[in-house]
Structure formats: C-alpha cells, structure tokens
Amino acid sequence: MTTIYLMRHGQTYFNLWHKIQGGVDSSLTEKGINLAKEMGRYFNENNIHFDKAYASTAL
C-alpha cells in the first residue's frame, strides 16, 4: 500500500502580514521553524522514511 503525506510550509512572515506569497520567498518565523522541527521529530520517532518527495516550484 502507498501512503502519501501532504504538508504545507510552516508559518512565514508573509502569513503574519497577510500578504500573498508564491512568487517570492518569505522566511519562516520562529513558530514556522519550530513546526518544521516538530514534524521532523514526528517522522523520526515514527520511523517514517520517504522514497520520493515532490514540491511545487517557486515562480
């Protein structure tokens, strides 16, 4: 069976400022960085590994 994980980026400064993003990179906030680390720990603790990863491209 194939398992697919869908993830969104963590909080960015544009999220805080209610700005549209997509074509411009916006750095993660401290909260966004902590969320990313938390997900990394979750995957490690649950022995989840990926054969493939896909990401949308920045414009």
PDB file of N, CA and C in Angstrom:
ATOM      1  N   MET A   1       0.841  -1.174   0.000  1.00  0.00           N
ATOM      2  CA  MET A   1       0.000   0.000   0.000  1.00  0.00           C
ATOM      3  C   MET A   1       0.892   1.246   0.000  1.00  0.00           C
ATOM      4  N   THR A   2       0.506   2.230  -0.752  1.00  0.00           N
ATOM      5  CA  THR A   2       1.222   3.501  -0.829  1.00  0.00           C
ATOM      6  C   THR A   2       0.604   4.493   0.142  1.00  0.00           C
ATOM      7  N   THR A   3       1.445   5.165   0.905  1.00  0.00           N
ATOM      8  CA  THR A   3       0.997   6.215   1.808  1.00  0.00           C
ATOM      9  C   THR A   3       1.520   7.540   1.281  1.00  0.00           C
ATOM     10  N   ILE A   4       0.642   8.517   1.210  1.00  0.00           N
ATOM     11  CA  ILE A   4       1.018   9.839   0.728  1.00  0.00           C
ATOM     12  C   ILE A   4       0.845  10.840   1.874  1.00  0.00           C
ATOM     13  N   TYR A   5       1.881  11.626   2.117  1.00  0.00           N
ATOM     14  CA  TYR A   5       1.835  12.677   3.125  1.00  0.00           C
ATOM     15  C   TYR A   5       1.780  14.017   2.410  1.00  0.00           C
ATOM     16  N   LEU A   6       0.820  14.844   2.757  1.00  0.00           N
ATOM     17  CA  LEU A   6       0.715  16.190   2.209  1.00  0.00           C
ATOM     18  C   LEU A   6       1.073  17.168   3.316  1.00  0.00           C
ATOM     19  N   MET A   7       1.991  18.058   3.012  1.00  0.00           N
ATOM     20  CA  MET A   7       2.419  19.021   4.020  1.00  0.00           C
ATOM     21  C   MET A   7       2.438  20.416   3.427  1.00  0.00           C
ATOM     22  N   ARG A   8       2.226  21.367   4.262  1.00  0.00           N
ATOM     23  CA  ARG A   8       2.312  22.774   3.900  1.00  0.00           C
ATOM     24  C   ARG A   8       3.491  23.361   4.658  1.00  0.00           C
ATOM     25  N   HIS A   9       4.043  24.428   4.139  1.00  0.00           N
ATOM     26  CA  HIS A   9       5.150  25.072   4.835  1.00  0.00           C
ATOM     27  C   HIS A   9       4.680  25.596   6.187  1.00  0.00           C
ATOM     28  N   GLY A  10       5.635  25.826   7.066  1.00  0.00           N
ATOM     29  CA  GLY A  10       5.320  26.433   8.358  1.00  0.00           C
ATOM     30  C   GLY A  10       5.031  27.917   8.189  1.00  0.00           C
ATOM     31  N   GLN A  11       4.685  28.557   9.270  1.00  0.00           N
ATOM     32  CA  GLN A  11       4.335  29.976   9.238  1.00  0.00           C
ATOM     33  C   GLN A  11       5.487  30.835   8.706  1.00  0.00           C
ATOM     34  N   THR A  12       5.154  31.757   7.801  1.00  0.00           N
ATOM     35  CA  THR A  12       6.140  32.687   7.263  1.00  0.00           C
ATOM     36  C   THR A  12       5.772  34.109   7.698  1.00  0.00           C
ATOM     37  N   TYR A  13       6.705  35.041   7.448  1.00  0.00           N
ATOM     38  CA  TYR A  13       6.413  36.440   7.767  1.00  0.00           C
ATOM     39  C   TYR A  13       5.277  36.979   6.902  1.00  0.00           C
ATOM     40  N   PHE A  14       5.189  36.536   5.651  1.00  0.00           N
ATOM     41  CA  PHE A  14       4.082  36.976   4.803  1.00  0.00           C
ATOM     42  C   PHE A  14       2.744  36.506   5.381  1.00  0.00           C
ATOM     43  N   ASN A  15       2.721  35.321   5.993  1.00  0.00           N
ATOM     44  CA  ASN A  15       1.490  34.861   6.645  1.00  0.00           C
ATOM     45  C   ASN A  15       1.085  35.849   7.739  1.00  0.00           C
ATOM     46  N   LEU A  16       2.052  36.276   8.532  1.00  0.00           N
ATOM     47  CA  LEU A  16       1.761  37.213   9.623  1.00  0.00           C
ATOM     48  C   LEU A  16       1.262  38.545   9.103  1.00  0.00           C
ATOM     49  N   TRP A  17       1.822  38.987   7.977  1.00  0.00           N
ATOM     50  CA  TRP A  17       1.487  40.298   7.424  1.00  0.00           C
ATOM     51  C   TRP A  17       0.302  40.226   6.461  1.00  0.00           C
ATOM     52  N   HIS A  18      -0.310  39.042   6.326  1.00  0.00           N
ATOM     53  CA  HIS A  18      -1.469  38.836   5.445  1.00  0.00           C
ATOM     54  C   HIS A  18      -1.153  39.233   4.003  1.00  0.00           C
ATOM     55  N   LYS A  19       0.048  38.880   3.551  1.00  0.00           N
ATOM     56  CA  LYS A  19       0.467  39.156   2.172  1.00  0.00           C
ATOM     57  C   LYS A  19       0.381  37.871   1.354  1.00  0.00           C
ATOM     58  N   ILE A  20       0.076  38.020   0.088  1.00  0.00           N
ATOM     59  CA  ILE A  20       0.033  36.886  -0.827  1.00  0.00           C
ATOM     60  C   ILE A  20       1.468  36.479  -1.136  1.00  0.00           C
ATOM     61  N   GLN A  21       1.711  35.191  -1.099  1.00  0.00           N
ATOM     62  CA  GLN A  21       3.046  34.703  -1.428  1.00  0.00           C
ATOM     63  C   GLN A  21       2.934  33.613  -2.467  1.00  0.00           C
ATOM     64  N   GLY A  22       4.028  33.250  -3.028  1.00  0.00           N
ATOM     65  CA  GLY A  22       4.041  32.219  -4.062  1.00  0.00           C
ATOM     66  C   GLY A  22       5.171  32.472  -5.028  1.00  0.00           C
ATOM     67  N   GLY A  23       5.277  33.691  -5.507  1.00  0.00           N
ATOM     68  CA  GLY A  23       6.347  34.036  -6.429  1.00  0.00           C
ATOM     69  C   GLY A  23       7.564  34.605  -5.730  1.00  0.00           C
ATOM     70  N   VAL A  24       7.433  34.842  -4.427  1.00  0.00           N
ATOM     71  CA  VAL A  24       8.513  35.428  -3.638  1.00  0.00           C
ATOM     72  C   VAL A  24       8.718  34.568  -2.401  1.00  0.00           C
ATOM     73  N   ASP A  25       9.978  34.337  -2.064  1.00  0.00           N
ATOM     74  CA  ASP A  25      10.265  33.591  -0.835  1.00  0.00           C
ATOM     75  C   ASP A  25      10.051  34.490   0.368  1.00  0.00           C
ATOM     76  N   SER A  26       9.464  33.943   1.392  1.00  0.00           N
ATOM     77  CA  SER A  26       9.315  34.630   2.667  1.00  0.00           C
ATOM     78  C   SER A  26       9.872  33.696   3.728  1.00  0.00           C
ATOM     79  N   SER A  27      10.743  34.205   4.555  1.00  0.00           N
ATOM     80  CA  SER A  27      11.391  33.380   5.578  1.00  0.00           C
ATOM     81  C   SER A  27      10.385  32.852   6.587  1.00  0.00           C
ATOM     82  N   LEU A  28      10.707  31.700   7.139  1.00  0.00           N
ATOM     83  CA  LEU A  28       9.891  31.156   8.216  1.00  0.00           C
ATOM     84  C   LEU A  28      10.072  31.983   9.475  1.00  0.00           C
ATOM     85  N   THR A  29       8.999  32.127  10.221  1.00  0.00           N
ATOM     86  CA  THR A  29       9.080  32.756  11.535  1.00  0.00           C
ATOM     87  C   THR A  29       9.649  31.738  12.508  1.00  0.00           C
ATOM     88  N   GLU A  30       9.889  32.153  13.738  1.00  0.00           N
ATOM     89  CA  GLU A  30      10.356  31.215  14.759  1.00  0.00           C
ATOM     90  C   GLU A  30       9.338  30.088  14.939  1.00  0.00           C
ATOM     91  N   LYS A  31       8.046  30.445  14.904  1.00  0.00           N
ATOM     92  CA  LYS A  31       6.992  29.431  15.000  1.00  0.00           C
ATOM     93  C   LYS A  31       7.072  28.457  13.828  1.00  0.00           C
ATOM     94  N   GLY A  32       7.290  28.977  12.614  1.00  0.00           N
ATOM     95  CA  GLY A  32       7.403  28.124  11.431  1.00  0.00           C
ATOM     96  C   GLY A  32       8.583  27.173  11.516  1.00  0.00           C
ATOM     97  N   ILE A  33       9.700  27.665  12.021  1.00  0.00           N
ATOM     98  CA  ILE A  33      10.890  26.825  12.197  1.00  0.00           C
ATOM     99  C   ILE A  33      10.603  25.731  13.217  1.00  0.00           C
ATOM    100  N   ASN A  34       9.962  26.089  14.320  1.00  0.00           N
ATOM    101  CA  ASN A  34       9.638  25.097  15.349  1.00  0.00           C
ATOM    102  C   ASN A  34       8.668  24.045  14.833  1.00  0.00           C
ATOM    103  N   LEU A  35       7.695  24.458  14.007  1.00  0.00           N
ATOM    104  CA  LEU A  35       6.761  23.492  13.414  1.00  0.00           C
ATOM    105  C   LEU A  35       7.492  22.508  12.502  1.00  0.00           C
ATOM    106  N   ALA A  36       8.438  23.009  11.715  1.00  0.00           N
ATOM    107  CA  ALA A  36       9.209  22.137  10.820  1.00  0.00           C
ATOM    108  C   ALA A  36      10.030  21.138  11.634  1.00  0.00           C
ATOM    109  N   LYS A  37      10.653  21.602  12.704  1.00  0.00           N
ATOM    110  CA  LYS A  37      11.435  20.705  13.565  1.00  0.00           C
ATOM    111  C   LYS A  37      10.537  19.654  14.220  1.00  0.00           C
ATOM    112  N   GLU A  38       9.344  20.077  14.632  1.00  0.00           N
ATOM    113  CA  GLU A  38       8.391  19.153  15.248  1.00  0.00           C
ATOM    114  C   GLU A  38       7.991  18.047  14.270  1.00  0.00           C
ATOM    115  N   MET A  39       7.755  18.412  13.016  1.00  0.00           N
ATOM    116  CA  MET A  39       7.405  17.402  12.015  1.00  0.00           C
ATOM    117  C   MET A  39       8.575  16.455  11.770  1.00  0.00           C
ATOM    118  N   GLY A  40       9.786  16.988  11.743  1.00  0.00           N
ATOM    119  CA  GLY A  40      10.969  16.140  11.592  1.00  0.00           C
ATOM    120  C   GLY A  40      11.075  15.126  12.713  1.00  0.00           C
ATOM    121  N   ARG A  41      10.840  15.580  13.941  1.00  0.00           N
ATOM    122  CA  ARG A  41      10.870  14.660  15.093  1.00  0.00           C
ATOM    123  C   ARG A  41       9.779  13.600  14.963  1.00  0.00           C
ATOM    124  N   TYR A  42       8.579  14.020  14.524  1.00  0.00           N
ATOM    125  CA  TYR A  42       7.473  13.074  14.351  1.00  0.00           C
ATOM    126  C   TYR A  42       7.855  11.967  13.374  1.00  0.00           C
ATOM    127  N   PHE A  43       8.407  12.352  12.227  1.00  0.00           N
ATOM    128  CA  PHE A  43       8.791  11.357  11.234  1.00  0.00           C
ATOM    129  C   PHE A  43       9.885  10.443  11.773  1.00  0.00           C
ATOM    130  N   ASN A  44      10.859  10.991  12.471  1.00  0.00           N
ATOM    131  CA  ASN A  44      11.928  10.173  13.041  1.00  0.00           C
ATOM    132  C   ASN A  44      11.400   9.220  14.106  1.00  0.00           C
ATOM    133  N   GLU A  45      10.586   9.730  15.027  1.00  0.00           N
ATOM    134  CA  GLU A  45      10.060   8.911  16.116  1.00  0.00           C
ATOM    135  C   GLU A  45       9.155   7.787  15.617  1.00  0.00           C
ATOM    136  N   ASN A  46       8.500   8.009  14.480  1.00  0.00           N
ATOM    137  CA  ASN A  46       7.592   7.004  13.923  1.00  0.00           C
ATOM    138  C   ASN A  46       8.225   6.214  12.785  1.00  0.00           C
ATOM    139  N   ASN A  47       9.547   6.363  12.655  1.00  0.00           N
ATOM    140  CA  ASN A  47      10.316   5.611  11.660  1.00  0.00           C
ATOM    141  C   ASN A  47       9.724   5.754  10.255  1.00  0.00           C
ATOM    142  N   ILE A  48       9.349   6.978   9.911  1.00  0.00           N
ATOM    143  CA  ILE A  48       8.770   7.265   8.599  1.00  0.00           C
ATOM    144  C   ILE A  48       9.876   7.772   7.687  1.00  0.00           C
ATOM    145  N   HIS A  49      10.054   7.086   6.573  1.00  0.00           N
ATOM    146  CA  HIS A  49      11.069   7.454   5.592  1.00  0.00           C
ATOM    147  C   HIS A  49      10.390   7.622   4.235  1.00  0.00           C
ATOM    148  N   PHE A  50      10.994   8.408   3.383  1.00  0.00           N
ATOM    149  CA  PHE A  50      10.394   8.699   2.084  1.00  0.00           C
ATOM    150  C   PHE A  50      11.253   8.163   0.958  1.00  0.00           C
ATOM    151  N   ASP A  51      10.605   7.545  -0.011  1.00  0.00           N
ATOM    152  CA  ASP A  51      11.287   7.113  -1.227  1.00  0.00           C
ATOM    153  C   ASP A  51      11.366   8.255  -2.224  1.00  0.00           C
ATOM    154  N   LYS A  52      10.347   9.113  -2.222  1.00  0.00           N
ATOM    155  CA  LYS A  52      10.273  10.236  -3.142  1.00  0.00           C
ATOM    156  C   LYS A  52       9.649  11.426  -2.427  1.00  0.00           C
ATOM    157  N   ALA A  53      10.033  12.613  -2.865  1.00  0.00           N
ATOM    158  CA  ALA A  53       9.426  13.837  -2.357  1.00  0.00           C
ATOM    159  C   ALA A  53       9.216  14.792  -3.520  1.00  0.00           C
ATOM    160  N   TYR A  54       8.109  15.464  -3.538  1.00  0.00           N
ATOM    161  CA  TYR A  54       7.778  16.414  -4.584  1.00  0.00           C
ATOM    162  C   TYR A  54       7.433  17.751  -3.937  1.00  0.00           C
ATOM    163  N   ALA A  55       7.805  18.815  -4.611  1.00  0.00           N
ATOM    164  CA  ALA A  55       7.492  20.150  -4.108  1.00  0.00           C
ATOM    165  C   ALA A  55       7.103  21.036  -5.275  1.00  0.00           C
ATOM    166  N   SER A  56       6.249  21.992  -5.004  1.00  0.00           N
ATOM    167  CA  SER A  56       5.908  22.946  -6.060  1.00  0.00           C
ATOM    168  C   SER A  56       7.100  23.876  -6.271  1.00  0.00           C
ATOM    169  N   THR A  57       7.183  24.415  -7.460  1.00  0.00           N
ATOM    170  CA  THR A  57       8.295  25.304  -7.769  1.00  0.00           C
ATOM    171  C   THR A  57       7.916  26.741  -7.445  1.00  0.00           C
ATOM    172  N   ALA A  58       8.917  27.522  -7.083  1.00  0.00           N
ATOM    173  CA  ALA A  58       8.689  28.950  -6.879  1.00  0.00           C
ATOM    174  C   ALA A  58       8.684  29.619  -8.247  1.00  0.00           C
ATOM    175  N   LEU A  59       7.848  30.592  -8.425  1.00  0.00           N
ATOM    176  CA  LEU A  59       7.755  31.298  -9.704  1.00  0.00           C
ATOM    177  C   LEU A  59       8.845  32.313  -9.838  1.00  0.00           C
TER     178      LEU A  59
END
